[in-house]
């Protein structure tokens, strides 16, 4: 996999993340108590732990009805969100983003209930220690970290479950800048890899995800939905359990580094909450934040031809696994 930056391995990625926290940044704004979400419904994937769980608490506290789409933590994590936010309007919905059938089942359930979503927050991600196959034969990190978002959002839009004027918020990463190029000839193919390659692949799938977010925003505008916003962000280094599959010998050191230098999920969810609730970005078709700083996305992700190519190839893989 061709690489070009600071996210090639766990050590350099960690050091880059720590350095970024201390770099001077220009804030885009701040949420106030007036930024409320009363009467709005938010679907949040990956909300049983870490950043997603903290986001669910904060959005519930601001008045949103929360649908937690998760693989685990049912029902205790939902009860945690209710207790921390003081809101009873929290529901947990089971989904495994590694399994196409489970994604389809989630959308079918939302459709049967005629849900209308005002916010869709795609937060789930994995960093496996080695490649694993999904039930449909894809590589797990490719499916969970990228293609599941493509499928879920397309299905929700096709079924009319995302309300006009909604906001779609996608958790990406600054590591999307690391890959040197798209690898179209290997797109969607299952390949074996180990822990040494996981971080580089994580960045590559974040490039796909950021490119998709930008292309989706263009398509929604051209399809007559300019008031539906698509936002992407990097929350910076978060003290979460995303490195839970790191080799056991390194886990004590990682826990120490995470606790000393990485931000808590409650602090790190600020850009997610800002993009979901702030009036500052109302009616904006696209935005990208790194921490609370507005930045242009990588030129590869901004490229319209790459966006169209990614969309076509993603559709082809989806069709192939849906036979």
C-alpha atoms as a PDB file:
ATOM      1  CA  UNK A   1       0.000   0.000   0.000  1.00  0.00           C
ATOM      2  CA  UNK A   2       1.541   3.314  -1.108  1.00  0.00           C
ATOM      3  CA  UNK A   3       2.006   5.713   1.799  1.00  0.00           C
ATOM      4  CA  UNK A   4       3.239   9.262   2.060  1.00  0.00           C
ATOM      5  CA  UNK A   5       2.857  10.618   5.577  1.00  0.00           C
ATOM      6  CA  UNK A   6       2.934  10.329   9.341  1.00  0.00           C
ATOM      7  CA  UNK A   7       0.303   7.628   9.782  1.00  0.00           C
ATOM      8  CA  UNK A   8       2.272   4.674   8.463  1.00  0.00           C
ATOM      9  CA  UNK A   9       2.512   2.803  11.764  1.00  0.00           C
ATOM     10  CA  UNK A  10       1.120   2.982  15.319  1.00  0.00           C
ATOM     11  CA  UNK A  11       4.112   4.853  16.769  1.00  0.00           C
ATOM     12  CA  UNK A  12       4.285   7.640  14.183  1.00  0.00           C
ATOM     13  CA  UNK A  13       0.488   7.967  14.127  1.00  0.00           C
ATOM     14  CA  UNK A  14       0.384   8.342  17.916  1.00  0.00           C
ATOM     15  CA  UNK A  15       3.154  10.940  17.946  1.00  0.00           C
ATOM     16  CA  UNK A  16       1.469  12.900  15.152  1.00  0.00           C
ATOM     17  CA  UNK A  17      -1.824  12.874  17.053  1.00  0.00           C
ATOM     18  CA  UNK A  18      -0.190  14.136  20.250  1.00  0.00           C
ATOM     19  CA  UNK A  19       1.634  16.888  18.340  1.00  0.00           C
ATOM     20  CA  UNK A  20      -1.576  18.034  16.679  1.00  0.00           C
ATOM     21  CA  UNK A  21      -3.254  18.540  20.039  1.00  0.00           C
ATOM     22  CA  UNK A  22      -0.684  21.161  21.003  1.00  0.00           C
ATOM     23  CA  UNK A  23      -0.566  22.959  17.655  1.00  0.00           C
ATOM     24  CA  UNK A  24      -2.122  26.429  17.527  1.00  0.00           C
ATOM     25  CA  UNK A  25      -5.552  26.297  15.858  1.00  0.00           C
ATOM     26  CA  UNK A  26      -8.263  28.770  14.919  1.00  0.00           C
ATOM     27  CA  UNK A  27     -11.644  27.730  16.334  1.00  0.00           C
ATOM     28  CA  UNK A  28     -14.711  27.866  14.115  1.00  0.00           C
ATOM     29  CA  UNK A  29     -17.043  28.651  17.007  1.00  0.00           C
ATOM     30  CA  UNK A  30     -18.601  27.308  20.173  1.00  0.00           C
ATOM     31  CA  UNK A  31     -21.838  25.602  21.034  1.00  0.00           C
ATOM     32  CA  UNK A  32     -24.108  27.373  23.457  1.00  0.00           C
ATOM     33  CA  UNK A  33     -26.996  26.149  25.567  1.00  0.00           C
ATOM     34  CA  UNK A  34     -29.271  27.730  22.950  1.00  0.00           C
ATOM     35  CA  UNK A  35     -28.125  25.158  20.369  1.00  0.00           C
ATOM     36  CA  UNK A  36     -30.931  22.708  21.029  1.00  0.00           C
ATOM     37  CA  UNK A  37     -32.192  19.638  19.150  1.00  0.00           C
ATOM     38  CA  UNK A  38     -35.681  19.384  20.610  1.00  0.00           C
ATOM     39  CA  UNK A  39     -38.040  17.446  18.353  1.00  0.00           C
ATOM     40  CA  UNK A  40     -35.216  16.005  16.237  1.00  0.00           C
ATOM     41  CA  UNK A  41     -34.302  12.323  15.825  1.00  0.00           C
ATOM     42  CA  UNK A  42     -30.657  11.249  15.612  1.00  0.00           C
ATOM     43  CA  UNK A  43     -29.368   7.860  14.430  1.00  0.00           C
ATOM     44  CA  UNK A  44     -25.848   7.227  15.753  1.00  0.00           C
ATOM     45  CA  UNK A  45     -23.743   4.216  14.735  1.00  0.00           C
ATOM     46  CA  UNK A  46     -20.912   3.002  16.935  1.00  0.00           C
ATOM     47  CA  UNK A  47     -22.523   4.591  19.983  1.00  0.00           C
ATOM     48  CA  UNK A  48     -21.964   1.875  22.584  1.00  0.00           C
ATOM     49  CA  UNK A  49     -18.535   3.206  23.602  1.00  0.00           C
ATOM     50  CA  UNK A  50     -16.022   6.000  23.192  1.00  0.00           C
ATOM     51  CA  UNK A  51     -16.780   8.959  20.973  1.00  0.00           C
ATOM     52  CA  UNK A  52     -20.169   7.643  19.830  1.00  0.00           C
ATOM     53  CA  UNK A  53     -21.383   7.048  23.372  1.00  0.00           C
ATOM     54  CA  UNK A  54     -20.287  10.513  24.504  1.00  0.00           C
ATOM     55  CA  UNK A  55     -22.005  12.029  21.464  1.00  0.00           C
ATOM     56  CA  UNK A  56     -25.232  10.189  22.247  1.00  0.00           C
ATOM     57  CA  UNK A  57     -25.213  11.616  25.784  1.00  0.00           C
ATOM     58  CA  UNK A  58     -24.581  15.164  24.595  1.00  0.00           C
ATOM     59  CA  UNK A  59     -27.202  15.127  21.829  1.00  0.00           C
ATOM     60  CA  UNK A  60     -29.775  13.593  24.182  1.00  0.00           C
ATOM     61  CA  UNK A  61     -28.965  16.306  26.707  1.00  0.00           C
ATOM     62  CA  UNK A  62     -29.711  18.872  24.005  1.00  0.00           C
ATOM     63  CA  UNK A  63     -33.148  17.402  23.443  1.00  0.00           C
ATOM     64  CA  UNK A  64     -32.692  14.968  20.550  1.00  0.00           C
ATOM     65  CA  UNK A  65     -34.395  11.593  20.429  1.00  0.00           C
ATOM     66  CA  UNK A  66     -31.530   9.115  20.134  1.00  0.00           C
ATOM     67  CA  UNK A  67     -31.446   5.864  18.151  1.00  0.00           C
ATOM     68  CA  UNK A  68     -28.242   4.038  19.057  1.00  0.00           C
ATOM     69  CA  UNK A  69     -27.359   1.617  16.225  1.00  0.00           C
ATOM     70  CA  UNK A  70     -24.879  -0.761  17.839  1.00  0.00           C
ATOM     71  CA  UNK A  71     -23.483  -4.276  17.805  1.00  0.00           C
ATOM     72  CA  UNK A  72     -23.130  -4.623  21.584  1.00  0.00           C
ATOM     73  CA  UNK A  73     -24.004  -2.976  24.880  1.00  0.00           C
ATOM     74  CA  UNK A  74     -27.748  -3.565  24.669  1.00  0.00           C
ATOM     75  CA  UNK A  75     -29.475  -2.470  26.900  1.00  0.00           C
ATOM     76  CA  UNK A  76     -26.957  -1.196  29.459  1.00  0.00           C
ATOM     77  CA  UNK A  77     -25.408   1.513  27.265  1.00  0.00           C
ATOM     78  CA  UNK A  78     -28.810   2.937  26.457  1.00  0.00           C
ATOM     79  CA  UNK A  79     -29.605   3.107  30.166  1.00  0.00           C
ATOM     80  CA  UNK A  80     -26.265   4.861  30.689  1.00  0.00           C
ATOM     81  CA  UNK A  81     -27.175   7.523  28.098  1.00  0.00           C
ATOM     82  CA  UNK A  82     -30.567   8.045  29.714  1.00  0.00           C
ATOM     83  CA  UNK A  83     -29.013   8.447  33.157  1.00  0.00           C
ATOM     84  CA  UNK A  84     -26.217  10.784  32.058  1.00  0.00           C
ATOM     85  CA  UNK A  85     -28.385  12.971  29.824  1.00  0.00           C
ATOM     86  CA  UNK A  86     -31.566  12.989  31.886  1.00  0.00           C
ATOM     87  CA  UNK A  87     -33.555  12.088  28.768  1.00  0.00           C
ATOM     88  CA  UNK A  88     -35.758   8.985  28.460  1.00  0.00           C
ATOM     89  CA  UNK A  89     -35.932   9.323  24.662  1.00  0.00           C
ATOM     90  CA  UNK A  90     -33.152   6.837  23.931  1.00  0.00           C
ATOM     91  CA  UNK A  91     -33.507   3.540  22.059  1.00  0.00           C
ATOM     92  CA  UNK A  92     -30.982   0.907  21.042  1.00  0.00           C
ATOM     93  CA  UNK A  93     -31.176  -0.826  17.663  1.00  0.00           C
ATOM     94  CA  UNK A  94     -28.977  -3.862  16.902  1.00  0.00           C
ATOM     95  CA  UNK A  95     -26.769  -3.781  13.804  1.00  0.00           C
ATOM     96  CA  UNK A  96     -23.489  -5.371  12.761  1.00  0.00           C
ATOM     97  CA  UNK A  97     -21.871  -3.080  10.208  1.00  0.00           C
ATOM     98  CA  UNK A  98     -19.660  -5.935   9.018  1.00  0.00           C
ATOM     99  CA  UNK A  99     -22.736  -7.786   7.749  1.00  0.00           C
ATOM    100  CA  UNK A 100     -24.752  -6.482   4.799  1.00  0.00           C
ATOM    101  CA  UNK A 101     -27.854  -8.401   5.902  1.00  0.00           C
ATOM    102  CA  UNK A 102     -27.825  -6.744   9.325  1.00  0.00           C
ATOM    103  CA  UNK A 103     -27.527  -3.296   7.731  1.00  0.00           C
ATOM    104  CA  UNK A 104     -30.458  -4.064   5.455  1.00  0.00           C
ATOM    105  CA  UNK A 105     -32.465  -5.312   8.453  1.00  0.00           C
ATOM    106  CA  UNK A 106     -31.834  -2.054  10.314  1.00  0.00           C
ATOM    107  CA  UNK A 107     -33.047   0.038   7.376  1.00  0.00           C
ATOM    108  CA  UNK A 108     -36.086  -2.204   6.917  1.00  0.00           C
ATOM    109  CA  UNK A 109     -36.989  -1.735  10.573  1.00  0.00           C
ATOM    110  CA  UNK A 110     -36.680   2.043  10.312  1.00  0.00           C
ATOM    111  CA  UNK A 111     -38.779   1.988   7.144  1.00  0.00           C
ATOM    112  CA  UNK A 112     -41.499  -0.134   8.751  1.00  0.00           C
ATOM    113  CA  UNK A 113     -41.714   2.417  11.546  1.00  0.00           C
ATOM    114  CA  UNK A 114     -41.733   5.302   9.056  1.00  0.00           C
ATOM    115  CA  UNK A 115     -38.874   6.989  10.880  1.00  0.00           C
ATOM    116  CA  UNK A 116     -37.785  10.457   9.767  1.00  0.00           C
ATOM    117  CA  UNK A 117     -34.180  11.168  10.671  1.00  0.00           C
ATOM    118  CA  UNK A 118     -32.924  14.698  11.229  1.00  0.00           C
ATOM    119  CA  UNK A 119     -29.392  13.602  12.067  1.00  0.00           C
ATOM    120  CA  UNK A 120     -27.363  10.601  10.944  1.00  0.00           C
ATOM    121  CA  UNK A 121     -23.996  10.277  12.644  1.00  0.00           C
ATOM    122  CA  UNK A 122     -21.653   7.626  11.213  1.00  0.00           C
ATOM    123  CA  UNK A 123     -19.115   6.985  13.926  1.00  0.00           C
ATOM    124  CA  UNK A 124     -18.350   3.248  14.016  1.00  0.00           C
ATOM    125  CA  UNK A 125     -14.812   2.115  13.187  1.00  0.00           C
ATOM    126  CA  UNK A 126     -12.498  -0.812  13.890  1.00  0.00           C
ATOM    127  CA  UNK A 127      -8.734  -1.370  13.806  1.00  0.00           C
ATOM    128  CA  UNK A 128      -8.297  -5.164  13.749  1.00  0.00           C
ATOM    129  CA  UNK A 129      -4.939  -6.732  14.449  1.00  0.00           C
ATOM    130  CA  UNK A 130      -5.234  -8.710  11.223  1.00  0.00           C
ATOM    131  CA  UNK A 131      -7.518  -9.098   8.239  1.00  0.00           C
ATOM    132  CA  UNK A 132     -10.846 -10.845   8.775  1.00  0.00           C
ATOM    133  CA  UNK A 133     -13.583 -11.778   6.341  1.00  0.00           C
ATOM    134  CA  UNK A 134     -17.114 -10.487   6.690  1.00  0.00           C
ATOM    135  CA  UNK A 135     -20.102 -12.805   6.090  1.00  0.00           C
ATOM    136  CA  UNK A 136     -20.132 -11.570   2.484  1.00  0.00           C
ATOM    137  CA  UNK A 137     -16.380 -12.184   1.999  1.00  0.00           C
ATOM    138  CA  UNK A 138     -15.102  -8.611   2.190  1.00  0.00           C
ATOM    139  CA  UNK A 139     -12.297  -7.414   4.425  1.00  0.00           C
ATOM    140  CA  UNK A 140     -13.758  -6.292   7.765  1.00  0.00           C
ATOM    141  CA  UNK A 141     -12.092  -2.887   8.083  1.00  0.00           C
ATOM    142  CA  UNK A 142     -13.036  -1.988   4.490  1.00  0.00           C
ATOM    143  CA  UNK A 143     -16.653  -2.892   5.229  1.00  0.00           C
ATOM    144  CA  UNK A 144     -17.048  -1.362   8.693  1.00  0.00           C
ATOM    145  CA  UNK A 145     -14.936   1.763   8.208  1.00  0.00           C
ATOM    146  CA  UNK A 146     -16.098   2.605   4.691  1.00  0.00           C
ATOM    147  CA  UNK A 147     -18.567   0.531   2.660  1.00  0.00           C
ATOM    148  CA  UNK A 148     -21.149   0.133   5.440  1.00  0.00           C
ATOM    149  CA  UNK A 149     -21.517   3.933   5.520  1.00  0.00           C
ATOM    150  CA  UNK A 150     -21.968   4.042   1.758  1.00  0.00           C
ATOM    151  CA  UNK A 151     -24.651   1.348   1.904  1.00  0.00           C
ATOM    152  CA  UNK A 152     -26.447   2.635   5.006  1.00  0.00           C
ATOM    153  CA  UNK A 153     -26.698   6.246   3.838  1.00  0.00           C
ATOM    154  CA  UNK A 154     -27.742   5.294   0.318  1.00  0.00           C
ATOM    155  CA  UNK A 155     -30.457   2.987   1.654  1.00  0.00           C
ATOM    156  CA  UNK A 156     -31.735   5.604   4.092  1.00  0.00           C
ATOM    157  CA  UNK A 157     -31.888   8.202   1.318  1.00  0.00           C
ATOM    158  CA  UNK A 158     -33.518   5.816  -1.164  1.00  0.00           C
ATOM    159  CA  UNK A 159     -36.241   4.946   1.337  1.00  0.00           C
ATOM    160  CA  UNK A 160     -36.906   8.591   2.172  1.00  0.00           C
ATOM    161  CA  UNK A 161     -35.901   8.108   5.807  1.00  0.00           C
ATOM    162  CA  UNK A 162     -33.621  11.167   5.956  1.00  0.00           C
ATOM    163  CA  UNK A 163     -35.699  14.298   6.318  1.00  0.00           C
ATOM    164  CA  UNK A 164     -35.004  17.290   4.002  1.00  0.00           C
ATOM    165  CA  UNK A 165     -32.767  19.695   5.852  1.00  0.00           C
ATOM    166  CA  UNK A 166     -31.089  16.883   7.779  1.00  0.00           C
ATOM    167  CA  UNK A 167     -27.429  16.766   8.711  1.00  0.00           C
ATOM    168  CA  UNK A 168     -25.192  13.779   7.992  1.00  0.00           C
ATOM    169  CA  UNK A 169     -22.050  13.789  10.155  1.00  0.00           C
ATOM    170  CA  UNK A 170     -19.243  11.371   9.292  1.00  0.00           C
ATOM    171  CA  UNK A 171     -16.322  10.757  11.650  1.00  0.00           C
ATOM    172  CA  UNK A 172     -13.216  10.563   9.492  1.00  0.00           C
ATOM    173  CA  UNK A 173      -9.574  11.237  10.339  1.00  0.00           C
ATOM    174  CA  UNK A 174      -6.644  13.422   9.372  1.00  0.00           C
ATOM    175  CA  UNK A 175      -5.005  10.126   8.396  1.00  0.00           C
ATOM    176  CA  UNK A 176      -7.074  10.354   5.192  1.00  0.00           C
ATOM    177  CA  UNK A 177      -4.184  12.508   3.924  1.00  0.00           C
ATOM    178  CA  UNK A 178      -1.643   9.715   4.336  1.00  0.00           C
ATOM    179  CA  UNK A 179      -2.240   7.463   1.279  1.00  0.00           C
ATOM    180  CA  UNK A 180      -0.327   8.489  -1.825  1.00  0.00           C
ATOM    181  CA  UNK A 181      -3.065   7.432  -4.247  1.00  0.00           C
ATOM    182  CA  UNK A 182      -6.277   5.496  -4.734  1.00  0.00           C
ATOM    183  CA  UNK A 183      -5.834   1.810  -5.478  1.00  0.00           C
ATOM    184  CA  UNK A 184      -8.666   1.261  -7.918  1.00  0.00           C
ATOM    185  CA  UNK A 185      -7.296  -2.006  -9.281  1.00  0.00           C
ATOM    186  CA  UNK A 186      -7.587  -3.602  -5.811  1.00  0.00           C
ATOM    187  CA  UNK A 187     -10.790  -1.918  -4.714  1.00  0.00           C
ATOM    188  CA  UNK A 188     -12.923  -4.168  -2.511  1.00  0.00           C
ATOM    189  CA  UNK A 189     -10.634  -7.166  -2.872  1.00  0.00           C
ATOM    190  CA  UNK A 190      -9.919  -9.235   0.212  1.00  0.00           C
ATOM    191  CA  UNK A 191      -6.214  -9.297   1.131  1.00  0.00           C
ATOM    192  CA  UNK A 192      -4.426 -10.730   4.132  1.00  0.00           C
ATOM    193  CA  UNK A 193      -2.560  -8.298   6.409  1.00  0.00           C
ATOM    194  CA  UNK A 194      -1.269  -8.100   9.972  1.00  0.00           C
ATOM    195  CA  UNK A 195      -0.977  -5.480  12.696  1.00  0.00           C
ATOM    196  CA  UNK A 196       1.913  -3.720  10.950  1.00  0.00           C
ATOM    197  CA  UNK A 197      -0.350  -2.746   8.074  1.00  0.00           C
ATOM    198  CA  UNK A 198      -3.525  -1.982  10.012  1.00  0.00           C
ATOM    199  CA  UNK A 199      -2.796   1.701  10.630  1.00  0.00           C
ATOM    200  CA  UNK A 200      -1.936   2.405   6.990  1.00  0.00           C
ATOM    201  CA  UNK A 201      -5.123   0.665   5.863  1.00  0.00           C
ATOM    202  CA  UNK A 202      -7.105   2.609   8.448  1.00  0.00           C
ATOM    203  CA  UNK A 203      -5.899   5.838   6.805  1.00  0.00           C
ATOM    204  CA  UNK A 204      -6.695   4.540   3.340  1.00  0.00           C
ATOM    205  CA  UNK A 205     -10.263   3.695   4.273  1.00  0.00           C
ATOM    206  CA  UNK A 206     -10.600   7.148   5.847  1.00  0.00           C
ATOM    207  CA  UNK A 207      -9.543   8.569   2.469  1.00  0.00           C
ATOM    208  CA  UNK A 208     -12.349   6.577   0.837  1.00  0.00           C
ATOM    209  CA  UNK A 209     -14.776   7.768   3.517  1.00  0.00           C
ATOM    210  CA  UNK A 210     -13.852  11.448   3.155  1.00  0.00           C
ATOM    211  CA  UNK A 211     -14.031  11.212  -0.643  1.00  0.00           C
ATOM    212  CA  UNK A 212     -17.469   9.626  -0.314  1.00  0.00           C
ATOM    213  CA  UNK A 213     -18.657  12.367   2.051  1.00  0.00           C
ATOM    214  CA  UNK A 214     -17.646  15.062  -0.435  1.00  0.00           C
ATOM    215  CA  UNK A 215     -19.205  13.225  -3.379  1.00  0.00           C
ATOM    216  CA  UNK A 216     -22.427  12.627  -1.444  1.00  0.00           C
ATOM    217  CA  UNK A 217     -22.699  16.338  -0.702  1.00  0.00           C
ATOM    218  CA  UNK A 218     -22.329  17.133  -4.404  1.00  0.00           C
ATOM    219  CA  UNK A 219     -24.964  14.573  -5.383  1.00  0.00           C
ATOM    220  CA  UNK A 220     -27.457  15.799  -2.808  1.00  0.00           C
ATOM    221  CA  UNK A 221     -27.056  19.337  -4.139  1.00  0.00           C
ATOM    222  CA  UNK A 222     -27.521  18.251  -7.752  1.00  0.00           C
ATOM    223  CA  UNK A 223     -30.515  16.091  -6.794  1.00  0.00           C
ATOM    224  CA  UNK A 224     -32.385  19.051  -5.400  1.00  0.00           C
ATOM    225  CA  UNK A 225     -31.521  18.531  -1.745  1.00  0.00           C
ATOM    226  CA  UNK A 226     -29.129  21.427  -1.166  1.00  0.00           C
ATOM    227  CA  UNK A 227     -30.431  21.864   2.374  1.00  0.00           C
ATOM    228  CA  UNK A 228     -29.212  18.404   3.388  1.00  0.00           C
ATOM    229  CA  UNK A 229     -25.731  18.882   4.807  1.00  0.00           C
ATOM    230  CA  UNK A 230     -22.886  16.384   4.758  1.00  0.00           C
ATOM    231  CA  UNK A 231     -20.155  17.064   7.290  1.00  0.00           C
ATOM    232  CA  UNK A 232     -16.922  15.200   8.000  1.00  0.00           C
ATOM    233  CA  UNK A 233     -14.474  15.633  10.827  1.00  0.00           C
ATOM    234  CA  UNK A 234     -11.417  14.362  12.623  1.00  0.00           C
ATOM    235  CA  UNK A 235     -11.861  14.440  16.420  1.00  0.00           C
ATOM    236  CA  UNK A 236      -8.126  14.131  17.038  1.00  0.00           C
ATOM    237  CA  UNK A 237      -6.673  11.422  19.275  1.00  0.00           C
ATOM    238  CA  UNK A 238      -9.356  10.011  21.578  1.00  0.00           C
ATOM    239  CA  UNK A 239      -8.879   7.939  24.715  1.00  0.00           C
ATOM    240  CA  UNK A 240     -11.141   5.137  23.562  1.00  0.00           C
ATOM    241  CA  UNK A 241     -10.999   1.372  23.083  1.00  0.00           C
ATOM    242  CA  UNK A 242     -10.302   1.502  19.332  1.00  0.00           C
ATOM    243  CA  UNK A 243      -6.863  -0.049  19.919  1.00  0.00           C
ATOM    244  CA  UNK A 244      -8.322  -2.952  21.901  1.00  0.00           C
ATOM    245  CA  UNK A 245      -6.905  -5.444  19.407  1.00  0.00           C
ATOM    246  CA  UNK A 246      -3.323  -4.231  19.720  1.00  0.00           C
ATOM    247  CA  UNK A 247      -0.856  -6.932  20.787  1.00  0.00           C
ATOM    248  CA  UNK A 248      -1.287  -7.684  24.484  1.00  0.00           C
ATOM    249  CA  UNK A 249       2.307  -6.745  25.284  1.00  0.00           C
ATOM    250  CA  UNK A 250       1.725  -3.187  24.036  1.00  0.00           C
ATOM    251  CA  UNK A 251      -1.653  -2.590  25.645  1.00  0.00           C
ATOM    252  CA  UNK A 252      -0.381  -1.304  29.045  1.00  0.00           C
ATOM    253  CA  UNK A 253       1.818   1.249  27.269  1.00  0.00           C
ATOM    254  CA  UNK A 254      -0.997   2.288  24.942  1.00  0.00           C
ATOM    255  CA  UNK A 255      -3.394   2.702  27.870  1.00  0.00           C
ATOM    256  CA  UNK A 256      -0.837   4.913  29.623  1.00  0.00           C
ATOM    257  CA  UNK A 257      -0.249   7.063  26.514  1.00  0.00           C
ATOM    258  CA  UNK A 258      -3.956   7.327  25.815  1.00  0.00           C
ATOM    259  CA  UNK A 259      -4.756   8.374  29.388  1.00  0.00           C
ATOM    260  CA  UNK A 260      -1.921  10.935  29.565  1.00  0.00           C
ATOM    261  CA  UNK A 261      -2.092  12.562  26.141  1.00  0.00           C
ATOM    262  CA  UNK A 262      -5.348  11.699  24.395  1.00  0.00           C
ATOM    263  CA  UNK A 263      -8.596  13.553  25.029  1.00  0.00           C
ATOM    264  CA  UNK A 264     -11.556  11.991  26.769  1.00  0.00           C
ATOM    265  CA  UNK A 265     -14.509  11.053  24.531  1.00  0.00           C
ATOM    266  CA  UNK A 266     -16.548  13.735  26.307  1.00  0.00           C
ATOM    267  CA  UNK A 267     -14.072  16.429  25.216  1.00  0.00           C
ATOM    268  CA  UNK A 268     -13.351  14.919  21.796  1.00  0.00           C
ATOM    269  CA  UNK A 269     -17.005  14.810  20.759  1.00  0.00           C
ATOM    270  CA  UNK A 270     -17.172  18.629  20.605  1.00  0.00           C
ATOM    271  CA  UNK A 271     -16.747  18.895  16.798  1.00  0.00           C
ATOM    272  CA  UNK A 272     -19.311  16.118  16.276  1.00  0.00           C
ATOM    273  CA  UNK A 273     -21.847  17.887  18.472  1.00  0.00           C
ATOM    274  CA  UNK A 274     -21.035  21.253  16.898  1.00  0.00           C
ATOM    275  CA  UNK A 275     -21.715  19.995  13.379  1.00  0.00           C
ATOM    276  CA  UNK A 276     -24.898  18.271  14.552  1.00  0.00           C
ATOM    277  CA  UNK A 277     -26.390  21.141  16.540  1.00  0.00           C
ATOM    278  CA  UNK A 278     -24.806  24.506  15.786  1.00  0.00           C
ATOM    279  CA  UNK A 279     -26.755  27.145  13.899  1.00  0.00           C
ATOM    280  CA  UNK A 280     -23.399  28.358  12.512  1.00  0.00           C
ATOM    281  CA  UNK A 281     -23.418  25.617   9.863  1.00  0.00           C
ATOM    282  CA  UNK A 282     -27.122  25.650   9.060  1.00  0.00           C
ATOM    283  CA  UNK A 283     -27.779  25.051   5.339  1.00  0.00           C
ATOM    284  CA  UNK A 284     -24.069  24.567   4.617  1.00  0.00           C
ATOM    285  CA  UNK A 285     -23.723  21.714   2.072  1.00  0.00           C
ATOM    286  CA  UNK A 286     -20.297  20.478   3.218  1.00  0.00           C
ATOM    287  CA  UNK A 287     -17.737  21.123   5.902  1.00  0.00           C
ATOM    288  CA  UNK A 288     -14.682  19.431   7.383  1.00  0.00           C
ATOM    289  CA  UNK A 289     -13.318  20.071  10.855  1.00  0.00           C
ATOM    290  CA  UNK A 290     -10.105  18.917  12.455  1.00  0.00           C
ATOM    291  CA  UNK A 291     -10.761  19.209  16.169  1.00  0.00           C
ATOM    292  CA  UNK A 292     -12.580  22.575  16.105  1.00  0.00           C
ATOM    293  CA  UNK A 293     -10.610  24.025  13.196  1.00  0.00           C
ATOM    294  CA  UNK A 294     -12.003  24.236   9.662  1.00  0.00           C
ATOM    295  CA  UNK A 295      -9.636  22.749   7.075  1.00  0.00           C
ATOM    296  CA  UNK A 296      -9.799  21.833   3.393  1.00  0.00           C
ATOM    297  CA  UNK A 297      -9.886  18.095   2.853  1.00  0.00           C
ATOM    298  CA  UNK A 298      -7.018  16.424   1.020  1.00  0.00           C
ATOM    299  CA  UNK A 299      -7.017  17.230  -2.730  1.00  0.00           C
ATOM    300  CA  UNK A 300      -7.469  13.544  -3.550  1.00  0.00           C
ATOM    301  CA  UNK A 301     -10.700  13.482  -1.550  1.00  0.00           C
ATOM    302  CA  UNK A 302     -11.897  16.744  -3.110  1.00  0.00           C
ATOM    303  CA  UNK A 303     -11.322  15.566  -6.686  1.00  0.00           C
ATOM    304  CA  UNK A 304     -14.649  15.179  -8.500  1.00  0.00           C
ATOM    305  CA  UNK A 305     -13.396  12.477 -10.867  1.00  0.00           C
ATOM    306  CA  UNK A 306     -12.199  10.423  -7.897  1.00  0.00           C
ATOM    307  CA  UNK A 307     -15.565  10.894  -6.230  1.00  0.00           C
ATOM    308  CA  UNK A 308     -17.412   9.584  -9.275  1.00  0.00           C
ATOM    309  CA  UNK A 309     -15.009   6.645  -9.603  1.00  0.00           C
ATOM    310  CA  UNK A 310     -15.408   5.749  -5.945  1.00  0.00           C
ATOM    311  CA  UNK A 311     -19.183   5.899  -6.190  1.00  0.00           C
ATOM    312  CA  UNK A 312     -19.284   3.624  -9.238  1.00  0.00           C
ATOM    313  CA  UNK A 313     -16.909   1.051  -7.769  1.00  0.00           C
ATOM    314  CA  UNK A 314     -18.731   1.066  -4.428  1.00  0.00           C
ATOM    315  CA  UNK A 315     -22.019   0.428  -6.203  1.00  0.00           C
ATOM    316  CA  UNK A 316     -20.456  -2.479  -8.077  1.00  0.00           C
ATOM    317  CA  UNK A 317     -19.154  -4.099  -4.870  1.00  0.00           C
ATOM    318  CA  UNK A 318     -22.517  -3.580  -3.173  1.00  0.00           C
ATOM    319  CA  UNK A 319     -24.298  -5.216  -6.097  1.00  0.00           C
ATOM    320  CA  UNK A 320     -21.841  -8.122  -6.070  1.00  0.00           C
ATOM    321  CA  UNK A 321     -22.299  -8.936  -2.386  1.00  0.00           C
ATOM    322  CA  UNK A 322     -26.064  -8.452  -2.571  1.00  0.00           C
ATOM    323  CA  UNK A 323     -26.625 -11.342  -5.001  1.00  0.00           C
END
